[in-house]
Amino acid sequence: MKFFFEENFRFLYADGQIYDDHQEERYAFANKTLFLPEIRLYKDNENIGYVKRRFTWFLRRYDLYLHDELVAVINQKLTFLRSRMEIEELGWTINSDVLHHRYTISDSEGRKLAIVKQKLLKLTHQYDIEILDDDNEELLILLILAINQFDKDVSSTAAAGAAAANSN
C-alpha cells in the first residue's frame, strides 16, 4: 500500500499526518518534547505506539513501542555515504542512500518490507512510502517515524557543526 507522510510546520515540536493513496488520513503523529523526542502515533484518535530517542553521545538509538510494549530498538551503524540502522529484535535493517534520500526497510532474509523516498525542496519533511508487508503496517509506520526523527537529528547536528565552523 502507498502512503504519503506530511509533517506540519511548528516551531518547537512536530506533528503531522500520514495519508493513504486516496488522500484519506490513516495516521496522525505528534511530538511535543524538546529534548529526547517521543513521537506518538495515532489511528482514529487512538494511541497505537511511539518512538522514543535514547540519549547517546555518538550513534543514535531509538526505542519502538507498539501498544505500550517495547518491540524493538533501532541502532545506528557507522558507514560511509550510507546510513544503516539495525533492528536487532526483528533482524530487520534500514538502509539509506544519502545522495538520493531513499530508505529501504528489509527483513533478515533481504526481502524489502517498505521503501521510503524523501521529497526534496519542501519546508517540512515529506515522504512517499510504499509498504510491501501489510501484516506489519503499524510497526513499519513507527519505523518511518524513527527515520523522520533520524533525518531531523542528522540535520540539526550538521547545522550545529556548520554554525560552529563559521564562528571561528
N, C-alpha and C. Protein backbone atom coordinates (compact mmCIF):
# COMPACT_ATOMS: atom_id res chain seq x y z
N MET A 1 0.84 -1.17 0.00
CA MET A 1 0.00 0.00 0.00
C MET A 1 0.89 1.24 0.00
N LYS A 2 0.44 2.27 -0.66
CA LYS A 2 1.20 3.51 -0.74
C LYS A 2 0.64 4.52 0.26
N PHE A 3 1.57 5.27 0.86
CA PHE A 3 1.23 6.30 1.83
C PHE A 3 2.01 7.57 1.50
N PHE A 4 1.52 8.67 2.04
CA PHE A 4 2.20 9.95 1.92
C PHE A 4 2.33 10.53 3.32
N PHE A 5 3.55 10.82 3.73
CA PHE A 5 3.88 11.34 5.05
C PHE A 5 4.08 12.84 4.93
N GLU A 6 3.36 13.61 5.75
CA GLU A 6 3.49 15.06 5.70
C GLU A 6 3.59 15.62 7.12
N GLU A 7 4.68 16.31 7.36
CA GLU A 7 4.90 16.93 8.67
C GLU A 7 4.40 18.38 8.61
N ASN A 8 3.70 18.80 9.65
CA ASN A 8 3.24 20.19 9.73
C ASN A 8 4.37 21.07 10.22
N PHE A 9 4.33 22.33 9.85
CA PHE A 9 5.36 23.26 10.29
C PHE A 9 4.99 23.79 11.67
N ARG A 10 5.85 23.52 12.63
CA ARG A 10 5.70 24.03 14.00
C ARG A 10 7.06 24.49 14.46
N PHE A 11 7.08 25.43 15.38
CA PHE A 11 8.35 25.98 15.84
C PHE A 11 9.07 25.05 16.82
N LEU A 12 8.40 24.59 17.85
CA LEU A 12 9.08 23.84 18.90
C LEU A 12 8.79 22.34 18.92
N TYR A 13 7.85 21.88 18.15
CA TYR A 13 7.55 20.45 18.15
C TYR A 13 7.04 20.06 16.76
N ALA A 14 6.91 18.78 16.55
CA ALA A 14 6.48 18.29 15.23
C ALA A 14 5.22 17.47 15.37
N ASP A 15 4.35 17.63 14.40
CA ASP A 15 3.20 16.76 14.27
C ASP A 15 2.87 16.66 12.79
N GLY A 16 1.99 15.76 12.45
CA GLY A 16 1.64 15.61 11.05
C GLY A 16 0.69 14.46 10.83
N GLN A 17 0.51 14.14 9.55
CA GLN A 17 -0.42 13.11 9.16
C GLN A 17 0.25 12.18 8.14
N ILE A 18 -0.32 10.99 8.07
CA ILE A 18 0.08 10.02 7.05
C ILE A 18 -1.19 9.64 6.31
N TYR A 19 -1.17 9.90 5.01
CA TYR A 19 -2.34 9.68 4.16
C TYR A 19 -2.14 8.44 3.32
N ASP A 20 -3.26 7.79 2.96
CA ASP A 20 -3.17 6.66 2.03
C ASP A 20 -3.19 7.19 0.61
N ASP A 21 -3.18 6.29 -0.35
CA ASP A 21 -3.12 6.72 -1.75
C ASP A 21 -4.42 7.34 -2.26
N HIS A 22 -5.47 7.37 -1.42
CA HIS A 22 -6.72 8.06 -1.77
C HIS A 22 -6.82 9.41 -1.06
N GLN A 23 -5.70 9.90 -0.51
CA GLN A 23 -5.60 11.16 0.24
C GLN A 23 -6.49 11.19 1.49
N GLU A 24 -6.75 10.02 2.06
CA GLU A 24 -7.50 9.95 3.31
C GLU A 24 -6.51 9.74 4.45
N GLU A 25 -6.71 10.48 5.55
CA GLU A 25 -5.80 10.36 6.69
C GLU A 25 -5.94 8.99 7.32
N ARG A 26 -4.82 8.27 7.42
CA ARG A 26 -4.80 6.96 8.06
C ARG A 26 -4.20 7.02 9.45
N TYR A 27 -3.18 7.87 9.60
CA TYR A 27 -2.49 8.00 10.88
C TYR A 27 -2.20 9.47 11.14
N ALA A 28 -2.00 9.78 12.41
CA ALA A 28 -1.51 11.10 12.81
C ALA A 28 -0.38 10.85 13.80
N PHE A 29 0.53 11.82 13.90
CA PHE A 29 1.63 11.68 14.85
C PHE A 29 1.90 13.03 15.49
N ALA A 30 2.47 12.98 16.70
CA ALA A 30 2.76 14.22 17.42
C ALA A 30 3.95 14.01 18.34
N ASN A 31 4.80 15.05 18.40
CA ASN A 31 5.92 15.10 19.33
C ASN A 31 5.90 16.47 19.97
N LYS A 32 5.74 16.51 21.27
CA LYS A 32 5.68 17.80 21.95
C LYS A 32 6.81 17.95 22.97
N THR A 33 7.86 17.16 22.81
CA THR A 33 9.01 17.27 23.70
C THR A 33 10.14 17.98 22.97
N LEU A 34 10.92 18.74 23.69
CA LEU A 34 12.02 19.46 23.07
C LEU A 34 13.29 18.62 23.00
N PHE A 35 13.58 17.87 24.04
CA PHE A 35 14.79 17.07 24.10
C PHE A 35 14.40 15.60 24.20
N LEU A 36 15.21 14.74 23.60
CA LEU A 36 14.93 13.31 23.56
C LEU A 36 13.48 13.06 23.12
N PRO A 37 13.20 13.28 21.85
CA PRO A 37 11.85 13.22 21.33
C PRO A 37 11.13 11.90 21.61
N GLU A 38 9.83 12.00 21.79
CA GLU A 38 8.94 10.86 21.93
C GLU A 38 7.77 11.12 20.98
N ILE A 39 7.77 10.47 19.84
CA ILE A 39 6.78 10.72 18.81
C ILE A 39 5.67 9.69 18.93
N ARG A 40 4.47 10.15 19.19
CA ARG A 40 3.31 9.28 19.37
C ARG A 40 2.58 9.09 18.04
N LEU A 41 2.13 7.86 17.79
CA LEU A 41 1.39 7.52 16.58
C LEU A 41 -0.06 7.23 16.95
N TYR A 42 -0.98 7.82 16.18
CA TYR A 42 -2.42 7.68 16.44
C TYR A 42 -3.12 7.17 15.19
N LYS A 43 -4.12 6.34 15.42
CA LYS A 43 -5.02 5.90 14.34
C LYS A 43 -6.43 6.02 14.89
N ASP A 44 -7.25 6.80 14.21
CA ASP A 44 -8.62 7.08 14.68
C ASP A 44 -8.60 7.62 16.11
N ASN A 45 -7.69 8.54 16.39
CA ASN A 45 -7.52 9.20 17.70
C ASN A 45 -7.14 8.23 18.82
N GLU A 46 -6.71 7.04 18.50
CA GLU A 46 -6.26 6.07 19.50
C GLU A 46 -4.75 5.92 19.39
N ASN A 47 -4.07 5.97 20.55
CA ASN A 47 -2.62 5.83 20.58
C ASN A 47 -2.24 4.40 20.22
N ILE A 48 -1.46 4.26 19.15
CA ILE A 48 -1.02 2.94 18.69
C ILE A 48 0.34 2.60 19.28
N GLY A 49 1.21 3.59 19.34
CA GLY A 49 2.56 3.35 19.82
C GLY A 49 3.36 4.63 19.76
N TYR A 50 4.66 4.49 20.02
CA TYR A 50 5.53 5.66 19.97
C TYR A 50 6.97 5.26 19.74
N VAL A 51 7.73 6.26 19.27
CA VAL A 51 9.16 6.14 19.06
C VAL A 51 9.83 7.07 20.05
N LYS A 52 10.80 6.58 20.78
CA LYS A 52 11.49 7.39 21.77
C LYS A 52 12.99 7.34 21.50
N ARG A 53 13.58 8.51 21.40
CA ARG A 53 15.03 8.57 21.18
C ARG A 53 15.74 8.41 22.52
N ARG A 54 16.75 7.56 22.54
CA ARG A 54 17.58 7.39 23.73
C ARG A 54 18.74 8.37 23.68
N PHE A 55 19.21 8.77 24.85
CA PHE A 55 20.37 9.65 24.90
C PHE A 55 21.61 8.82 24.61
N THR A 56 22.37 9.25 23.61
CA THR A 56 23.66 8.63 23.28
C THR A 56 24.61 9.75 22.88
N TRP A 57 25.89 9.49 22.98
CA TRP A 57 26.89 10.50 22.63
C TRP A 57 27.19 10.55 21.15
N PHE A 58 27.13 9.41 20.48
CA PHE A 58 27.59 9.40 19.09
C PHE A 58 26.55 8.80 18.15
N LEU A 59 26.43 7.50 18.10
CA LEU A 59 25.47 6.85 17.21
C LEU A 59 24.08 6.85 17.85
N ARG A 60 23.06 7.05 17.05
CA ARG A 60 21.71 7.22 17.58
C ARG A 60 21.02 5.89 17.84
N ARG A 61 20.10 5.92 18.83
CA ARG A 61 19.29 4.75 19.20
C ARG A 61 17.86 5.22 19.43
N TYR A 62 16.93 4.40 18.97
CA TYR A 62 15.51 4.71 19.12
C TYR A 62 14.79 3.46 19.61
N ASP A 63 13.90 3.65 20.59
CA ASP A 63 13.06 2.55 21.09
C ASP A 63 11.70 2.65 20.41
N LEU A 64 11.15 1.51 19.98
CA LEU A 64 9.84 1.45 19.35
C LEU A 64 8.88 0.71 20.27
N TYR A 65 7.79 1.38 20.60
CA TYR A 65 6.75 0.80 21.44
C TYR A 65 5.48 0.66 20.61
N LEU A 66 4.94 -0.54 20.58
CA LEU A 66 3.68 -0.80 19.90
C LEU A 66 2.69 -1.23 20.97
N HIS A 67 1.60 -0.47 21.11
CA HIS A 67 0.59 -0.72 22.15
C HIS A 67 1.26 -0.78 23.53
N ASP A 68 2.13 0.21 23.79
CA ASP A 68 2.84 0.40 25.06
C ASP A 68 3.78 -0.74 25.43
N GLU A 69 4.16 -1.57 24.47
CA GLU A 69 5.12 -2.64 24.72
C GLU A 69 6.35 -2.41 23.85
N LEU A 70 7.53 -2.44 24.49
CA LEU A 70 8.78 -2.28 23.74
C LEU A 70 8.93 -3.47 22.80
N VAL A 71 8.96 -3.18 21.47
CA VAL A 71 9.05 -4.26 20.49
C VAL A 71 10.39 -4.28 19.77
N ALA A 72 11.09 -3.14 19.77
CA ALA A 72 12.36 -3.12 19.03
C ALA A 72 13.19 -1.91 19.44
N VAL A 73 14.50 -2.06 19.26
CA VAL A 73 15.46 -0.97 19.46
C VAL A 73 16.21 -0.82 18.14
N ILE A 74 16.23 0.42 17.64
CA ILE A 74 16.95 0.71 16.40
C ILE A 74 18.31 1.26 16.77
N ASN A 75 19.36 0.66 16.22
CA ASN A 75 20.73 1.10 16.47
C ASN A 75 21.35 1.58 15.17
N GLN A 76 21.88 2.79 15.17
CA GLN A 76 22.59 3.32 14.00
C GLN A 76 23.96 2.66 13.93
N LYS A 77 24.37 2.29 12.73
CA LYS A 77 25.68 1.71 12.48
C LYS A 77 26.51 2.70 11.69
N LEU A 78 27.81 2.69 11.89
CA LEU A 78 28.71 3.60 11.21
C LEU A 78 29.05 3.06 9.82
N THR A 79 28.75 3.86 8.79
CA THR A 79 29.05 3.50 7.41
C THR A 79 29.50 4.75 6.68
N PHE A 80 29.95 4.58 5.43
CA PHE A 80 30.43 5.70 4.62
C PHE A 80 29.43 5.99 3.51
N LEU A 81 28.94 7.23 3.45
CA LEU A 81 27.99 7.73 2.45
C LEU A 81 26.65 7.00 2.44
N ARG A 82 26.42 6.16 3.39
CA ARG A 82 25.15 5.49 3.54
C ARG A 82 24.85 5.46 5.03
N SER A 83 23.61 5.38 5.32
CA SER A 83 23.23 5.23 6.71
C SER A 83 22.63 3.84 6.86
N ARG A 84 22.99 3.19 7.93
CA ARG A 84 22.46 1.86 8.19
C ARG A 84 22.02 1.80 9.65
N MET A 85 20.82 1.31 9.84
CA MET A 85 20.30 1.10 11.18
C MET A 85 19.81 -0.34 11.26
N GLU A 86 20.05 -0.95 12.40
CA GLU A 86 19.62 -2.33 12.60
C GLU A 86 18.57 -2.41 13.68
N ILE A 87 17.60 -3.28 13.46
CA ILE A 87 16.56 -3.56 14.44
C ILE A 87 16.80 -5.00 14.88
N GLU A 88 17.61 -5.14 15.92
CA GLU A 88 18.13 -6.45 16.30
C GLU A 88 17.04 -7.44 16.69
N GLU A 89 16.03 -7.00 17.42
CA GLU A 89 14.98 -7.91 17.89
C GLU A 89 14.24 -8.56 16.73
N LEU A 90 14.15 -7.85 15.61
CA LEU A 90 13.41 -8.35 14.45
C LEU A 90 14.32 -8.89 13.36
N GLY A 91 15.61 -8.56 13.43
CA GLY A 91 16.52 -8.95 12.37
C GLY A 91 16.37 -8.09 11.13
N TRP A 92 15.71 -6.96 11.25
CA TRP A 92 15.48 -6.06 10.12
C TRP A 92 16.59 -5.03 10.04
N THR A 93 16.74 -4.42 8.87
CA THR A 93 17.69 -3.32 8.68
C THR A 93 17.02 -2.19 7.92
N ILE A 94 17.52 -0.99 8.17
CA ILE A 94 17.12 0.20 7.42
C ILE A 94 18.38 0.70 6.73
N ASN A 95 18.37 0.69 5.43
CA ASN A 95 19.49 1.20 4.65
C ASN A 95 19.06 2.48 3.94
N SER A 96 19.96 3.43 3.89
CA SER A 96 19.62 4.66 3.19
C SER A 96 20.70 5.01 2.20
N ASP A 97 20.26 5.68 1.18
CA ASP A 97 21.15 6.24 0.18
C ASP A 97 21.11 7.75 0.41
N VAL A 98 22.16 8.27 1.03
CA VAL A 98 22.19 9.67 1.43
C VAL A 98 22.02 10.60 0.23
N LEU A 99 22.60 10.25 -0.89
CA LEU A 99 22.55 11.12 -2.05
C LEU A 99 21.17 11.18 -2.69
N HIS A 100 20.40 10.12 -2.58
CA HIS A 100 19.09 10.08 -3.21
C HIS A 100 17.93 10.19 -2.22
N HIS A 101 18.23 10.31 -0.93
CA HIS A 101 17.21 10.45 0.12
C HIS A 101 16.16 9.34 0.02
N ARG A 102 16.65 8.12 0.00
CA ARG A 102 15.78 6.95 -0.13
C ARG A 102 16.17 5.95 0.96
N TYR A 103 15.17 5.38 1.61
CA TYR A 103 15.38 4.38 2.64
C TYR A 103 14.69 3.09 2.23
N THR A 104 15.31 1.97 2.58
CA THR A 104 14.72 0.66 2.34
C THR A 104 14.74 -0.10 3.66
N ILE A 105 13.59 -0.61 4.04
CA ILE A 105 13.48 -1.46 5.24
C ILE A 105 13.38 -2.89 4.75
N SER A 106 14.31 -3.74 5.23
CA SER A 106 14.37 -5.14 4.77
C SER A 106 14.36 -6.08 5.97
N ASP A 107 13.86 -7.29 5.74
CA ASP A 107 13.88 -8.29 6.81
C ASP A 107 15.22 -9.02 6.81
N SER A 108 15.34 -10.01 7.68
CA SER A 108 16.62 -10.71 7.85
C SER A 108 17.03 -11.50 6.61
N GLU A 109 16.08 -11.82 5.74
CA GLU A 109 16.39 -12.56 4.51
C GLU A 109 16.60 -11.63 3.32
N GLY A 110 16.58 -10.32 3.56
CA GLY A 110 16.81 -9.35 2.49
C GLY A 110 15.58 -8.94 1.71
N ARG A 111 14.41 -9.45 2.10
CA ARG A 111 13.17 -9.04 1.41
C ARG A 111 12.80 -7.63 1.82
N LYS A 112 12.43 -6.82 0.85
CA LYS A 112 12.03 -5.44 1.13
C LYS A 112 10.65 -5.42 1.76
N LEU A 113 10.55 -4.70 2.89
CA LEU A 113 9.29 -4.55 3.59
C LEU A 113 8.65 -3.20 3.30
N ALA A 114 9.49 -2.18 3.07
CA ALA A 114 8.99 -0.84 2.78
C ALA A 114 10.08 -0.04 2.09
N ILE A 115 9.65 0.91 1.26
CA ILE A 115 10.54 1.84 0.58
C ILE A 115 10.05 3.24 0.89
N VAL A 116 10.97 4.09 1.35
CA VAL A 116 10.63 5.45 1.77
C VAL A 116 11.48 6.42 0.96
N LYS A 117 10.83 7.35 0.28
CA LYS A 117 11.55 8.35 -0.52
C LYS A 117 11.20 9.74 0.00
N GLN A 118 12.23 10.48 0.37
CA GLN A 118 12.02 11.83 0.87
C GLN A 118 11.82 12.78 -0.29
N LYS A 119 10.81 13.65 -0.15
CA LYS A 119 10.59 14.69 -1.16
C LYS A 119 11.50 15.86 -0.81
N LEU A 120 12.19 16.36 -1.79
CA LEU A 120 13.16 17.43 -1.59
C LEU A 120 12.53 18.79 -1.84
N LEU A 121 13.22 19.82 -1.40
CA LEU A 121 12.82 21.21 -1.59
C LEU A 121 11.45 21.51 -1.00
N LYS A 122 11.19 20.95 0.18
CA LYS A 122 9.95 21.20 0.91
C LYS A 122 10.30 21.86 2.24
N LEU A 123 9.40 22.67 2.76
CA LEU A 123 9.64 23.36 4.02
C LEU A 123 9.69 22.38 5.19
N THR A 124 8.89 21.34 5.14
CA THR A 124 8.88 20.32 6.18
C THR A 124 9.22 18.97 5.56
N HIS A 125 9.43 17.97 6.39
CA HIS A 125 9.74 16.64 5.88
C HIS A 125 8.49 16.01 5.27
N GLN A 126 8.66 15.49 4.07
CA GLN A 126 7.59 14.78 3.37
C GLN A 126 8.20 13.55 2.71
N TYR A 127 7.45 12.45 2.76
CA TYR A 127 7.94 11.19 2.20
C TYR A 127 6.83 10.50 1.41
N ASP A 128 7.23 9.83 0.35
CA ASP A 128 6.37 8.86 -0.31
C ASP A 128 6.76 7.51 0.25
N ILE A 129 5.77 6.73 0.66
CA ILE A 129 6.01 5.46 1.34
C ILE A 129 5.31 4.35 0.59
N GLU A 130 6.02 3.26 0.39
CA GLU A 130 5.40 2.07 -0.17
C GLU A 130 5.63 0.93 0.82
N ILE A 131 4.55 0.46 1.43
CA ILE A 131 4.64 -0.65 2.37
C ILE A 131 4.32 -1.93 1.62
N LEU A 132 5.27 -2.85 1.63
CA LEU A 132 5.15 -4.09 0.88
C LEU A 132 4.71 -5.26 1.76
N ASP A 133 4.64 -5.04 3.08
CA ASP A 133 4.24 -6.08 4.04
C ASP A 133 3.09 -5.53 4.88
N ASP A 134 1.86 -5.78 4.42
CA ASP A 134 0.68 -5.24 5.10
C ASP A 134 0.51 -5.78 6.52
N ASP A 135 1.04 -6.96 6.81
CA ASP A 135 0.88 -7.56 8.13
C ASP A 135 1.61 -6.76 9.21
N ASN A 136 2.64 -6.03 8.84
CA ASN A 136 3.43 -5.25 9.80
C ASN A 136 3.28 -3.74 9.56
N GLU A 137 2.14 -3.32 9.05
CA GLU A 137 1.94 -1.92 8.67
C GLU A 137 2.21 -0.96 9.83
N GLU A 138 1.62 -1.19 11.00
CA GLU A 138 1.79 -0.27 12.12
C GLU A 138 3.24 -0.19 12.57
N LEU A 139 3.91 -1.32 12.64
CA LEU A 139 5.32 -1.33 13.03
C LEU A 139 6.17 -0.60 12.00
N LEU A 140 5.88 -0.80 10.73
CA LEU A 140 6.62 -0.11 9.68
C LEU A 140 6.38 1.40 9.72
N ILE A 141 5.17 1.81 10.03
CA ILE A 141 4.88 3.25 10.17
C ILE A 141 5.69 3.82 11.34
N LEU A 142 5.79 3.08 12.43
CA LEU A 142 6.63 3.53 13.56
C LEU A 142 8.09 3.66 13.12
N LEU A 143 8.56 2.72 12.33
CA LEU A 143 9.94 2.80 11.83
C LEU A 143 10.13 4.04 10.96
N ILE A 144 9.12 4.40 10.20
CA ILE A 144 9.20 5.59 9.36
C ILE A 144 9.23 6.85 10.22
N LEU A 145 8.52 6.85 11.33
CA LEU A 145 8.62 7.97 12.28
C LEU A 145 10.04 8.06 12.83
N ALA A 146 10.66 6.92 13.08
CA ALA A 146 12.05 6.92 13.55
C ALA A 146 12.99 7.44 12.47
N ILE A 147 12.74 7.08 11.21
CA ILE A 147 13.54 7.59 10.10
C ILE A 147 13.42 9.10 10.02
N ASN A 148 12.19 9.60 10.16
CA ASN A 148 11.99 11.05 10.13
C ASN A 148 12.77 11.74 11.25
N GLN A 149 12.70 11.17 12.45
CA GLN A 149 13.43 11.76 13.57
C GLN A 149 14.93 11.67 13.33
N PHE A 150 15.40 10.56 12.78
CA PHE A 150 16.81 10.41 12.44
C PHE A 150 17.24 11.51 11.47
N ASP A 151 16.44 11.74 10.41
CA ASP A 151 16.75 12.81 9.45
C ASP A 151 16.85 14.17 10.15
N LYS A 152 15.93 14.43 11.07
CA LYS A 152 15.95 15.70 11.78
C LYS A 152 17.17 15.80 12.70
N ASP A 153 17.51 14.70 13.36
CA ASP A 153 18.68 14.70 14.24
C ASP A 153 19.96 14.94 13.45
N VAL A 154 20.08 14.28 12.30
CA VAL A 154 21.27 14.47 11.46
C VAL A 154 21.34 15.90 10.95
N SER A 155 20.21 16.45 10.52
CA SER A 155 20.18 17.82 10.01
C SER A 155 20.57 18.83 11.08
N SER A 156 20.05 18.64 12.30
CA SER A 156 20.37 19.58 13.37
C SER A 156 21.84 19.48 13.78
N THR A 157 22.40 18.26 13.76
CA THR A 157 23.82 18.09 14.07
C THR A 157 24.68 18.77 13.02
N ALA A 158 24.31 18.60 11.75
CA ALA A 158 25.07 19.23 10.67
C ALA A 158 24.97 20.75 10.75
N ALA A 159 23.80 21.27 11.06
CA ALA A 159 23.62 22.72 11.18
C ALA A 159 24.44 23.27 12.34
N ALA A 160 24.45 22.54 13.46
CA ALA A 160 25.23 22.99 14.61
C ALA A 160 26.72 22.97 14.28
N GLY A 161 27.18 21.95 13.57
CA GLY A 161 28.59 21.87 13.18
C GLY A 161 28.97 22.99 12.24
N ALA A 162 28.10 23.32 11.28
CA ALA A 162 28.38 24.40 10.34
C ALA A 162 28.41 25.74 11.06
N ALA A 163 27.52 25.95 12.01
CA ALA A 163 27.49 27.20 12.76
C ALA A 163 28.77 27.35 13.59
N ALA A 164 29.21 26.25 14.20
CA ALA A 164 30.44 26.30 14.99
C ALA A 164 31.66 26.60 14.10
N ALA A 165 31.68 26.00 12.91
CA ALA A 165 32.82 26.23 11.99
C ALA A 165 32.84 27.68 11.49
N ASN A 166 31.67 28.25 11.27
CA ASN A 166 31.60 29.62 10.77
C ASN A 166 31.91 30.65 11.85
N SER A 167 31.77 30.27 13.12
CA SER A 167 32.03 31.23 14.20
C SER A 167 33.53 31.38 14.47
N ASN A 168 34.33 30.46 13.95
CA ASN A 168 35.79 30.53 14.19
C ASN A 168 36.49 31.36 13.17
